[in-house]
Amino acid sequence: MVEDDKAIEKIVLTELLRLNAVILGLITGLVAGTIIFVATNWLVLKGGEVVGPHLSLLNQFFIGYEVTLVGSLIGFAYGFVGGFIIGYVIARLYNWIANFRDARASL
């Protein structure tokens, strides 16, 4: 009975340590996209003679991005895609390392 409880506990802990790659990708993508969206719109609403010269450098990486209201939507899309890819890769690597450690520990 004690061994069964320990086996069940090990299975539960092992499964809890795994990350859902799609969920982490979605969350990371939403956060990255929202940061770019808010930063762009903040500068647009702030206004001035030159609006966001540093943030406008993102157009070197994000084709079509400008520090405008429409550019903030384009930046959100790029930020979401980039954040999704980063979050997905991080979760997959984490799960791979966790599986590797689990397999090594059971030897």
PDB file of N, CA and C in Angstrom:
ATOM      1  N   MET A   1       0.814  -1.190   0.000  1.00  0.00           N
ATOM      2  CA  MET A   1       0.000   0.000   0.000  1.00  0.00           C
ATOM      3  C   MET A   1       0.864   1.262   0.000  1.00  0.00           C
ATOM      4  N   VAL A   2       1.931   1.270   0.783  1.00  0.00           N
ATOM      5  CA  VAL A   2       2.825   2.425   0.854  1.00  0.00           C
ATOM      6  C   VAL A   2       3.544   2.605  -0.469  1.00  0.00           C
ATOM      7  N   GLU A   3       3.959   1.502  -1.088  1.00  0.00           N
ATOM      8  CA  GLU A   3       4.638   1.586  -2.375  1.00  0.00           C
ATOM      9  C   GLU A   3       3.704   2.101  -3.457  1.00  0.00           C
ATOM     10  N   ASP A   4       2.421   1.702  -3.414  1.00  0.00           N
ATOM     11  CA  ASP A   4       1.448   2.201  -4.380  1.00  0.00           C
ATOM     12  C   ASP A   4       1.258   3.711  -4.231  1.00  0.00           C
ATOM     13  N   ASP A   5       1.203   4.178  -2.982  1.00  0.00           N
ATOM     14  CA  ASP A   5       1.057   5.609  -2.740  1.00  0.00           C
ATOM     15  C   ASP A   5       2.258   6.380  -3.255  1.00  0.00           C
ATOM     16  N   LYS A   6       3.438   5.829  -3.055  1.00  0.00           N
ATOM     17  CA  LYS A   6       4.648   6.495  -3.540  1.00  0.00           C
ATOM     18  C   LYS A   6       4.706   6.496  -5.056  1.00  0.00           C
ATOM     19  N   ALA A   7       4.261   5.409  -5.679  1.00  0.00           N
ATOM     20  CA  ALA A   7       4.241   5.340  -7.137  1.00  0.00           C
ATOM     21  C   ALA A   7       3.256   6.358  -7.712  1.00  0.00           C
ATOM     22  N   ILE A   8       2.086   6.455  -7.101  1.00  0.00           N
ATOM     23  CA  ILE A   8       1.089   7.427  -7.561  1.00  0.00           C
ATOM     24  C   ILE A   8       1.610   8.847  -7.356  1.00  0.00           C
ATOM     25  N   GLU A   9       2.237   9.093  -6.223  1.00  0.00           N
ATOM     26  CA  GLU A   9       2.786  10.420  -5.942  1.00  0.00           C
ATOM     27  C   GLU A   9       3.858  10.791  -6.959  1.00  0.00           C
ATOM     28  N   LYS A  10       4.694   9.823  -7.330  1.00  0.00           N
ATOM     29  CA  LYS A  10       5.743  10.088  -8.317  1.00  0.00           C
ATOM     30  C   LYS A  10       5.137  10.403  -9.685  1.00  0.00           C
ATOM     31  N   ILE A  11       4.102   9.684 -10.072  1.00  0.00           N
ATOM     32  CA  ILE A  11       3.437   9.937 -11.355  1.00  0.00           C
ATOM     33  C   ILE A  11       2.809  11.326 -11.363  1.00  0.00           C
ATOM     34  N   VAL A  12       2.132  11.680 -10.273  1.00  0.00           N
ATOM     35  CA  VAL A  12       1.492  12.997 -10.199  1.00  0.00           C
ATOM     36  C   VAL A  12       2.536  14.106 -10.252  1.00  0.00           C
ATOM     37  N   LEU A  13       3.604  13.978  -9.485  1.00  0.00           N
ATOM     38  CA  LEU A  13       4.655  14.997  -9.493  1.00  0.00           C
ATOM     39  C   LEU A  13       5.326  15.101 -10.852  1.00  0.00           C
ATOM     40  N   THR A  14       5.535  13.970 -11.498  1.00  0.00           N
ATOM     41  CA  THR A  14       6.144  13.981 -12.820  1.00  0.00           C
ATOM     42  C   THR A  14       5.267  14.715 -13.821  1.00  0.00           C
ATOM     43  N   GLU A  15       3.977  14.457 -13.780  1.00  0.00           N
ATOM     44  CA  GLU A  15       3.063  15.119 -14.712  1.00  0.00           C
ATOM     45  C   GLU A  15       2.873  16.592 -14.378  1.00  0.00           C
ATOM     46  N   LEU A  16       2.955  16.954 -13.108  1.00  0.00           N
ATOM     47  CA  LEU A  16       2.815  18.357 -12.733  1.00  0.00           C
ATOM     48  C   LEU A  16       4.025  19.176 -13.156  1.00  0.00           C
ATOM     49  N   LEU A  17       5.156  18.539 -13.281  1.00  0.00           N
ATOM     50  CA  LEU A  17       6.367  19.248 -13.661  1.00  0.00           C
ATOM     51  C   LEU A  17       6.430  19.544 -15.160  1.00  0.00           C
ATOM     52  N   ARG A  18       5.553  18.961 -15.947  1.00  0.00           N
ATOM     53  CA  ARG A  18       5.541  19.192 -17.387  1.00  0.00           C
ATOM     54  C   ARG A  18       4.805  20.487 -17.707  1.00  0.00           C
ATOM     55  N   LEU A  19       5.252  21.170 -18.737  1.00  0.00           N
ATOM     56  CA  LEU A  19       4.612  22.400 -19.194  1.00  0.00           C
ATOM     57  C   LEU A  19       3.842  22.124 -20.475  1.00  0.00           C
ATOM     58  N   ASN A  20       2.706  22.757 -20.616  1.00  0.00           N
ATOM     59  CA  ASN A  20       1.949  22.683 -21.860  1.00  0.00           C
ATOM     60  C   ASN A  20       2.538  23.725 -22.807  1.00  0.00           C
ATOM     61  N   ALA A  21       3.170  23.273 -23.871  1.00  0.00           N
ATOM     62  CA  ALA A  21       3.901  24.159 -24.768  1.00  0.00           C
ATOM     63  C   ALA A  21       2.974  25.153 -25.470  1.00  0.00           C
ATOM     64  N   VAL A  22       1.798  24.718 -25.862  1.00  0.00           N
ATOM     65  CA  VAL A  22       0.876  25.617 -26.573  1.00  0.00           C
ATOM     66  C   VAL A  22       0.378  26.716 -25.641  1.00  0.00           C
ATOM     67  N   ILE A  23       0.026  26.357 -24.415  1.00  0.00           N
ATOM     68  CA  ILE A  23      -0.467  27.351 -23.468  1.00  0.00           C
ATOM     69  C   ILE A  23       0.636  28.356 -23.140  1.00  0.00           C
ATOM     70  N   LEU A  24       1.847  27.877 -22.871  1.00  0.00           N
ATOM     71  CA  LEU A  24       2.943  28.794 -22.577  1.00  0.00           C
ATOM     72  C   LEU A  24       3.232  29.687 -23.775  1.00  0.00           C
ATOM     73  N   GLY A  25       3.157  29.140 -24.981  1.00  0.00           N
ATOM     74  CA  GLY A  25       3.352  29.941 -26.182  1.00  0.00           C
ATOM     75  C   GLY A  25       2.295  31.019 -26.324  1.00  0.00           C
ATOM     76  N   LEU A  26       1.035  30.654 -26.074  1.00  0.00           N
ATOM     77  CA  LEU A  26      -0.043  31.646 -26.159  1.00  0.00           C
ATOM     78  C   LEU A  26       0.138  32.764 -25.146  1.00  0.00           C
ATOM     79  N   ILE A  27       0.451  32.415 -23.915  1.00  0.00           N
ATOM     80  CA  ILE A  27       0.618  33.425 -22.876  1.00  0.00           C
ATOM     81  C   ILE A  27       1.807  34.326 -23.186  1.00  0.00           C
ATOM     82  N   THR A  28       2.927  33.738 -23.568  1.00  0.00           N
ATOM     83  CA  THR A  28       4.114  34.531 -23.887  1.00  0.00           C
ATOM     84  C   THR A  28       3.846  35.424 -25.102  1.00  0.00           C
ATOM     85  N   GLY A  29       3.155  34.897 -26.085  1.00  0.00           N
ATOM     86  CA  GLY A  29       2.819  35.690 -27.267  1.00  0.00           C
ATOM     87  C   GLY A  29       1.894  36.849 -26.938  1.00  0.00           C
ATOM     88  N   LEU A  30       0.892  36.597 -26.115  1.00  0.00           N
ATOM     89  CA  LEU A  30      -0.020  37.676 -25.730  1.00  0.00           C
ATOM     90  C   LEU A  30       0.693  38.761 -24.932  1.00  0.00           C
ATOM     91  N   VAL A  31       1.576  38.364 -24.046  1.00  0.00           N
ATOM     92  CA  VAL A  31       2.314  39.354 -23.252  1.00  0.00           C
ATOM     93  C   VAL A  31       3.245  40.175 -24.145  1.00  0.00           C
ATOM     94  N   ALA A  32       3.994  39.526 -25.019  1.00  0.00           N
ATOM     95  CA  ALA A  32       4.919  40.244 -25.904  1.00  0.00           C
ATOM     96  C   ALA A  32       4.168  41.170 -26.857  1.00  0.00           C
ATOM     97  N   GLY A  33       3.086  40.669 -27.441  1.00  0.00           N
ATOM     98  CA  GLY A  33       2.302  41.493 -28.348  1.00  0.00           C
ATOM     99  C   GLY A  33       1.669  42.680 -27.644  1.00  0.00           C
ATOM    100  N   THR A  34       1.174  42.467 -26.437  1.00  0.00           N
ATOM    101  CA  THR A  34       0.542  43.546 -25.685  1.00  0.00           C
ATOM    102  C   THR A  34       1.561  44.611 -25.295  1.00  0.00           C
ATOM    103  N   ILE A  35       2.764  44.198 -24.944  1.00  0.00           N
ATOM    104  CA  ILE A  35       3.805  45.172 -24.595  1.00  0.00           C
ATOM    105  C   ILE A  35       4.116  46.077 -25.785  1.00  0.00           C
ATOM    106  N   ILE A  36       4.275  45.498 -26.957  1.00  0.00           N
ATOM    107  CA  ILE A  36       4.552  46.308 -28.153  1.00  0.00           C
ATOM    108  C   ILE A  36       3.353  47.199 -28.483  1.00  0.00           C
ATOM    109  N   PHE A  37       2.145  46.654 -28.380  1.00  0.00           N
ATOM    110  CA  PHE A  37       0.926  47.415 -28.664  1.00  0.00           C
ATOM    111  C   PHE A  37       0.800  48.613 -27.730  1.00  0.00           C
ATOM    112  N   VAL A  38       0.963  48.389 -26.433  1.00  0.00           N
ATOM    113  CA  VAL A  38       0.810  49.463 -25.448  1.00  0.00           C
ATOM    114  C   VAL A  38       1.927  50.497 -25.596  1.00  0.00           C
ATOM    115  N   ALA A  39       3.159  50.046 -25.784  1.00  0.00           N
ATOM    116  CA  ALA A  39       4.276  50.985 -25.931  1.00  0.00           C
ATOM    117  C   ALA A  39       4.090  51.871 -27.159  1.00  0.00           C
ATOM    118  N   THR A  40       3.649  51.285 -28.256  1.00  0.00           N
ATOM    119  CA  THR A  40       3.433  52.062 -29.476  1.00  0.00           C
ATOM    120  C   THR A  40       2.315  53.074 -29.287  1.00  0.00           C
ATOM    121  N   ASN A  41       1.187  52.639 -28.759  1.00  0.00           N
ATOM    122  CA  ASN A  41       0.061  53.556 -28.573  1.00  0.00           C
ATOM    123  C   ASN A  41       0.361  54.621 -27.527  1.00  0.00           C
ATOM    124  N   TRP A  42       1.155  54.292 -26.524  1.00  0.00           N
ATOM    125  CA  TRP A  42       1.559  55.285 -25.523  1.00  0.00           C
ATOM    126  C   TRP A  42       2.314  56.424 -26.211  1.00  0.00           C
ATOM    127  N   LEU A  43       3.250  56.079 -27.086  1.00  0.00           N
ATOM    128  CA  LEU A  43       4.019  57.107 -27.787  1.00  0.00           C
ATOM    129  C   LEU A  43       3.163  57.875 -28.782  1.00  0.00           C
ATOM    130  N   VAL A  44       2.229  57.206 -29.433  1.00  0.00           N
ATOM    131  CA  VAL A  44       1.347  57.886 -30.382  1.00  0.00           C
ATOM    132  C   VAL A  44       0.480  58.897 -29.646  1.00  0.00           C
ATOM    133  N   LEU A  45      -0.083  58.508 -28.517  1.00  0.00           N
ATOM    134  CA  LEU A  45      -0.941  59.413 -27.755  1.00  0.00           C
ATOM    135  C   LEU A  45      -0.136  60.530 -27.103  1.00  0.00           C
ATOM    136  N   LYS A  46       1.106  60.254 -26.739  1.00  0.00           N
ATOM    137  CA  LYS A  46       1.971  61.274 -26.151  1.00  0.00           C
ATOM    138  C   LYS A  46       2.289  62.354 -27.170  1.00  0.00           C
ATOM    139  N   GLY A  47       2.511  61.944 -28.390  1.00  0.00           N
ATOM    140  CA  GLY A  47       2.750  62.884 -29.485  1.00  0.00           C
ATOM    141  C   GLY A  47       4.110  63.557 -29.410  1.00  0.00           C
ATOM    142  N   GLY A  48       4.221  64.686 -30.098  1.00  0.00           N
ATOM    143  CA  GLY A  48       5.471  65.439 -30.147  1.00  0.00           C
ATOM    144  C   GLY A  48       5.962  65.562 -31.574  1.00  0.00           C
ATOM    145  N   GLU A  49       7.081  66.273 -31.724  1.00  0.00           N
ATOM    146  CA  GLU A  49       7.634  66.461 -33.069  1.00  0.00           C
ATOM    147  C   GLU A  49       8.118  65.142 -33.663  1.00  0.00           C
ATOM    148  N   VAL A  50       8.912  64.415 -32.888  1.00  0.00           N
ATOM    149  CA  VAL A  50       9.414  63.116 -33.325  1.00  0.00           C
ATOM    150  C   VAL A  50       8.813  62.071 -32.391  1.00  0.00           C
ATOM    151  N   VAL A  51       8.029  61.182 -32.970  1.00  0.00           N
ATOM    152  CA  VAL A  51       7.324  60.184 -32.155  1.00  0.00           C
ATOM    153  C   VAL A  51       8.082  58.868 -32.167  1.00  0.00           C
ATOM    154  N   GLY A  52       8.647  58.503 -31.024  1.00  0.00           N
ATOM    155  CA  GLY A  52       9.256  57.189 -30.837  1.00  0.00           C
ATOM    156  C   GLY A  52      10.371  56.833 -31.780  1.00  0.00           C
ATOM    157  N   PRO A  53      11.486  57.609 -31.810  1.00  0.00           N
ATOM    158  CA  PRO A  53      12.572  57.240 -32.736  1.00  0.00           C
ATOM    159  C   PRO A  53      13.218  55.895 -32.398  1.00  0.00           C
ATOM    160  N   HIS A  54      13.266  55.551 -31.116  1.00  0.00           N
ATOM    161  CA  HIS A  54      13.892  54.276 -30.747  1.00  0.00           C
ATOM    162  C   HIS A  54      12.965  53.111 -31.059  1.00  0.00           C
ATOM    163  N   LEU A  55      11.685  53.253 -30.762  1.00  0.00           N
ATOM    164  CA  LEU A  55      10.735  52.165 -31.028  1.00  0.00           C
ATOM    165  C   LEU A  55      10.538  51.970 -32.531  1.00  0.00           C
ATOM    166  N   SER A  56      10.719  53.038 -33.304  1.00  0.00           N
ATOM    167  CA  SER A  56      10.559  52.893 -34.753  1.00  0.00           C
ATOM    168  C   SER A  56      11.648  52.025 -35.368  1.00  0.00           C
ATOM    169  N   LEU A  57      12.722  51.759 -34.619  1.00  0.00           N
ATOM    170  CA  LEU A  57      13.768  50.860 -35.118  1.00  0.00           C
ATOM    171  C   LEU A  57      13.280  49.420 -35.244  1.00  0.00           C
ATOM    172  N   LEU A  58      12.131  49.112 -34.624  1.00  0.00           N
ATOM    173  CA  LEU A  58      11.571  47.767 -34.775  1.00  0.00           C
ATOM    174  C   LEU A  58      11.203  47.460 -36.227  1.00  0.00           C
ATOM    175  N   ASN A  59      11.033  48.516 -37.041  1.00  0.00           N
ATOM    176  CA  ASN A  59      10.687  48.250 -38.446  1.00  0.00           C
ATOM    177  C   ASN A  59      11.842  47.592 -39.197  1.00  0.00           C
ATOM    178  N   GLN A  60      13.035  47.549 -38.584  1.00  0.00           N
ATOM    179  CA  GLN A  60      14.148  46.811 -39.183  1.00  0.00           C
ATOM    180  C   GLN A  60      13.903  45.300 -39.110  1.00  0.00           C
ATOM    181  N   PHE A  61      13.123  44.878 -38.100  1.00  0.00           N
ATOM    182  CA  PHE A  61      12.828  43.465 -37.908  1.00  0.00           C
ATOM    183  C   PHE A  61      11.387  43.128 -38.279  1.00  0.00           C
ATOM    184  N   PHE A  62      10.465  44.035 -38.017  1.00  0.00           N
ATOM    185  CA  PHE A  62       9.037  43.814 -38.267  1.00  0.00           C
ATOM    186  C   PHE A  62       8.646  44.604 -39.507  1.00  0.00           C
ATOM    187  N   ILE A  63       8.558  43.940 -40.631  1.00  0.00           N
ATOM    188  CA  ILE A  63       8.236  44.604 -41.894  1.00  0.00           C
ATOM    189  C   ILE A  63       6.833  45.191 -41.808  1.00  0.00           C
ATOM    190  N   GLY A  64       6.719  46.478 -42.117  1.00  0.00           N
ATOM    191  CA  GLY A  64       5.429  47.154 -42.091  1.00  0.00           C
ATOM    192  C   GLY A  64       5.126  47.857 -40.783  1.00  0.00           C
ATOM    193  N   TYR A  65       5.978  47.688 -39.770  1.00  0.00           N
ATOM    194  CA  TYR A  65       5.740  48.310 -38.467  1.00  0.00           C
ATOM    195  C   TYR A  65       6.120  49.782 -38.508  1.00  0.00           C
ATOM    196  N   GLU A  66       5.260  50.618 -37.950  1.00  0.00           N
ATOM    197  CA  GLU A  66       5.527  52.038 -37.759  1.00  0.00           C
ATOM    198  C   GLU A  66       4.961  52.432 -36.414  1.00  0.00           C
ATOM    199  N   VAL A  67       5.386  53.565 -35.892  1.00  0.00           N
ATOM    200  CA  VAL A  67       4.849  54.051 -34.628  1.00  0.00           C
ATOM    201  C   VAL A  67       3.571  54.831 -34.940  1.00  0.00           C
ATOM    202  N   THR A  68       2.517  54.069 -35.257  1.00  0.00           N
ATOM    203  CA  THR A  68       1.178  54.606 -35.525  1.00  0.00           C
ATOM    204  C   THR A  68       0.165  53.644 -34.921  1.00  0.00           C
ATOM    205  N   LEU A  69      -1.105  54.023 -35.006  1.00  0.00           N
ATOM    206  CA  LEU A  69      -2.147  53.135 -34.491  1.00  0.00           C
ATOM    207  C   LEU A  69      -2.200  51.828 -35.283  1.00  0.00           C
ATOM    208  N   VAL A  70      -2.099  51.922 -36.603  1.00  0.00           N
ATOM    209  CA  VAL A  70      -2.095  50.704 -37.428  1.00  0.00           C
ATOM    210  C   VAL A  70      -0.814  49.915 -37.188  1.00  0.00           C
ATOM    211  N   GLY A  71       0.299  50.623 -37.017  1.00  0.00           N
ATOM    212  CA  GLY A  71       1.571  49.957 -36.734  1.00  0.00           C
ATOM    213  C   GLY A  71       1.548  49.198 -35.419  1.00  0.00           C
ATOM    214  N   SER A  72       0.753  49.694 -34.451  1.00  0.00           N
ATOM    215  CA  SER A  72       0.662  48.981 -33.177  1.00  0.00           C
ATOM    216  C   SER A  72      -0.018  47.629 -33.355  1.00  0.00           C
ATOM    217  N   LEU A  73      -0.968  47.543 -34.268  1.00  0.00           N
ATOM    218  CA  LEU A  73      -1.615  46.256 -34.557  1.00  0.00           C
ATOM    219  C   LEU A  73      -0.654  45.300 -35.261  1.00  0.00           C
ATOM    220  N   ILE A  74       0.137  45.858 -36.173  1.00  0.00           N
ATOM    221  CA  ILE A  74       1.146  45.043 -36.854  1.00  0.00           C
ATOM    222  C   ILE A  74       2.192  44.570 -35.847  1.00  0.00           C
ATOM    223  N   GLY A  75       2.609  45.480 -34.957  1.00  0.00           N
ATOM    224  CA  GLY A  75       3.567  45.120 -33.919  1.00  0.00           C
ATOM    225  C   GLY A  75       3.015  44.072 -32.974  1.00  0.00           C
ATOM    226  N   PHE A  76       1.713  44.151 -32.655  1.00  0.00           N
ATOM    227  CA  PHE A  76       1.086  43.142 -31.806  1.00  0.00           C
ATOM    228  C   PHE A  76       1.160  41.774 -32.476  1.00  0.00           C
ATOM    229  N   ALA A  77       0.867  41.742 -33.775  1.00  0.00           N
ATOM    230  CA  ALA A  77       0.895  40.461 -34.499  1.00  0.00           C
ATOM    231  C   ALA A  77       2.308  39.866 -34.501  1.00  0.00           C
ATOM    232  N   TYR A  78       3.304  40.694 -34.804  1.00  0.00           N
ATOM    233  CA  TYR A  78       4.688  40.213 -34.796  1.00  0.00           C
ATOM    234  C   TYR A  78       5.106  39.776 -33.393  1.00  0.00           C
ATOM    235  N   GLY A  79       4.747  40.575 -32.384  1.00  0.00           N
ATOM    236  CA  GLY A  79       5.087  40.239 -31.011  1.00  0.00           C
ATOM    237  C   GLY A  79       4.432  38.942 -30.573  1.00  0.00           C
ATOM    238  N   PHE A  80       3.180  38.747 -30.987  1.00  0.00           N
ATOM    239  CA  PHE A  80       2.479  37.515 -30.638  1.00  0.00           C
ATOM    240  C   PHE A  80       3.158  36.301 -31.259  1.00  0.00           C
ATOM    241  N   VAL A  81       3.467  36.393 -32.536  1.00  0.00           N
ATOM    242  CA  VAL A  81       4.100  35.255 -33.227  1.00  0.00           C
ATOM    243  C   VAL A  81       5.478  34.964 -32.630  1.00  0.00           C
ATOM    244  N   GLY A  82       6.271  36.005 -32.438  1.00  0.00           N
ATOM    245  CA  GLY A  82       7.599  35.805 -31.858  1.00  0.00           C
ATOM    246  C   GLY A  82       7.530  35.268 -30.441  1.00  0.00           C
ATOM    247  N   GLY A  83       6.624  35.818 -29.640  1.00  0.00           N
ATOM    248  CA  GLY A  83       6.461  35.352 -28.268  1.00  0.00           C
ATOM    249  C   GLY A  83       5.960  33.925 -28.207  1.00  0.00           C
ATOM    250  N   PHE A  84       5.044  33.568 -29.115  1.00  0.00           N
ATOM    251  CA  PHE A  84       4.538  32.199 -29.158  1.00  0.00           C
ATOM    252  C   PHE A  84       5.666  31.221 -29.447  1.00  0.00           C
ATOM    253  N   ILE A  85       6.485  31.552 -30.434  1.00  0.00           N
ATOM    254  CA  ILE A  85       7.585  30.661 -30.799  1.00  0.00           C
ATOM    255  C   ILE A  85       8.559  30.506 -29.638  1.00  0.00           C
ATOM    256  N   ILE A  86       8.895  31.614 -28.985  1.00  0.00           N
ATOM    257  CA  ILE A  86       9.829  31.559 -27.860  1.00  0.00           C
ATOM    258  C   ILE A  86       9.251  30.738 -26.708  1.00  0.00           C
ATOM    259  N   GLY A  87       7.992  30.989 -26.346  1.00  0.00           N
ATOM    260  CA  GLY A  87       7.359  30.251 -25.261  1.00  0.00           C
ATOM    261  C   GLY A  87       7.232  28.773 -25.571  1.00  0.00           C
ATOM    262  N   TYR A  88       6.876  28.449 -26.806  1.00  0.00           N
ATOM    263  CA  TYR A  88       6.726  27.059 -27.214  1.00  0.00           C
ATOM    264  C   TYR A  88       8.066  26.324 -27.123  1.00  0.00           C
ATOM    265  N   VAL A  89       9.122  26.959 -27.625  1.00  0.00           N
ATOM    266  CA  VAL A  89      10.444  26.331 -27.605  1.00  0.00           C
ATOM    267  C   VAL A  89      10.931  26.151 -26.168  1.00  0.00           C
ATOM    268  N   ILE A  90      10.711  27.147 -25.324  1.00  0.00           N
ATOM    269  CA  ILE A  90      11.130  27.029 -23.923  1.00  0.00           C
ATOM    270  C   ILE A  90      10.414  25.858 -23.250  1.00  0.00           C
ATOM    271  N   ALA A  91       9.110  25.726 -23.457  1.00  0.00           N
ATOM    272  CA  ALA A  91       8.356  24.631 -22.834  1.00  0.00           C
ATOM    273  C   ALA A  91       8.819  23.277 -23.357  1.00  0.00           C
ATOM    274  N   ARG A  92       9.053  23.183 -24.662  1.00  0.00           N
ATOM    275  CA  ARG A  92       9.517  21.907 -25.220  1.00  0.00           C
ATOM    276  C   ARG A  92      10.891  21.522 -24.671  1.00  0.00           C
ATOM    277  N   LEU A  93      11.794  22.494 -24.577  1.00  0.00           N
ATOM    278  CA  LEU A  93      13.113  22.216 -24.007  1.00  0.00           C
ATOM    279  C   LEU A  93      13.009  21.826 -22.541  1.00  0.00           C
ATOM    280  N   TYR A  94      12.170  22.523 -21.794  1.00  0.00           N
ATOM    281  CA  TYR A  94      11.994  22.202 -20.379  1.00  0.00           C
ATOM    282  C   TYR A  94      11.464  20.775 -20.223  1.00  0.00           C
ATOM    283  N   ASN A  95      10.455  20.420 -21.012  1.00  0.00           N
ATOM    284  CA  ASN A  95       9.893  19.070 -20.929  1.00  0.00           C
ATOM    285  C   ASN A  95      10.911  18.010 -21.351  1.00  0.00           C
ATOM    286  N   TRP A  96      11.713  18.326 -22.349  1.00  0.00           N
ATOM    287  CA  TRP A  96      12.735  17.378 -22.800  1.00  0.00           C
ATOM    288  C   TRP A  96      13.752  17.139 -21.691  1.00  0.00           C
ATOM    289  N   ILE A  97      14.191  18.210 -21.026  1.00  0.00           N
ATOM    290  CA  ILE A  97      15.140  18.079 -19.927  1.00  0.00           C
ATOM    291  C   ILE A  97      14.505  17.328 -18.762  1.00  0.00           C
ATOM    292  N   ALA A  98      13.233  17.624 -18.462  1.00  0.00           N
ATOM    293  CA  ALA A  98      12.546  16.919 -17.373  1.00  0.00           C
ATOM    294  C   ALA A  98      12.413  15.434 -17.687  1.00  0.00           C
ATOM    295  N   ASN A  99      12.099  15.083 -18.922  1.00  0.00           N
ATOM    296  CA  ASN A  99      12.015  13.669 -19.310  1.00  0.00           C
ATOM    297  C   ASN A  99      13.376  12.996 -19.221  1.00  0.00           C
ATOM    298  N   PHE A 100      14.412  13.705 -19.632  1.00  0.00           N
ATOM    299  CA  PHE A 100      15.769  13.166 -19.583  1.00  0.00           C
ATOM    300  C   PHE A 100      16.180  12.896 -18.139  1.00  0.00           C
ATOM    301  N   ARG A 101      15.900  13.854 -17.247  1.00  0.00           N
ATOM    302  CA  ARG A 101      16.233  13.672 -15.825  1.00  0.00           C
ATOM    303  C   ARG A 101      15.414  12.547 -15.205  1.00  0.00           C
ATOM    304  N   ASP A 102      14.144  12.448 -15.583  1.00  0.00           N
ATOM    305  CA  ASP A 102      13.280  11.408 -15.035  1.00  0.00           C
ATOM    306  C   ASP A 102      13.763  10.021 -15.481  1.00  0.00           C
ATOM    307  N   ALA A 103      14.167   9.916 -16.741  1.00  0.00           N
ATOM    308  CA  ALA A 103      14.661   8.639 -17.258  1.00  0.00           C
ATOM    309  C   ALA A 103      15.982   8.268 -16.582  1.00  0.00           C
ATOM    310  N   ARG A 104      16.810   9.254 -16.334  1.00  0.00           N
ATOM    311  CA  ARG A 104      18.085   8.988 -15.669  1.00  0.00           C
ATOM    312  C   ARG A 104      17.906   8.611 -14.222  1.00  0.00           C
ATOM    313  N   ALA A 105      16.933   9.233 -13.575  1.00  0.00           N
ATOM    314  CA  ALA A 105      16.691   8.948 -12.151  1.00  0.00           C
ATOM    315  C   ALA A 105      16.124   7.540 -11.949  1.00  0.00           C
ATOM    316  N   SER A 106      15.414   7.028 -12.944  1.00  0.00           N
ATOM    317  CA  SER A 106      14.810   5.713 -12.784  1.00  0.00           C
ATOM    318  C   SER A 106      15.778   4.574 -13.062  1.00  0.00           C
ATOM    319  N   LEU A 107      16.960   4.905 -13.549  1.00  0.00           N
ATOM    320  CA  LEU A 107      17.954   3.856 -13.811  1.00  0.00           C
ATOM    321  C   LEU A 107      18.510   3.284 -12.581  1.00  0.00           C
TER     322      LEU A 107
END
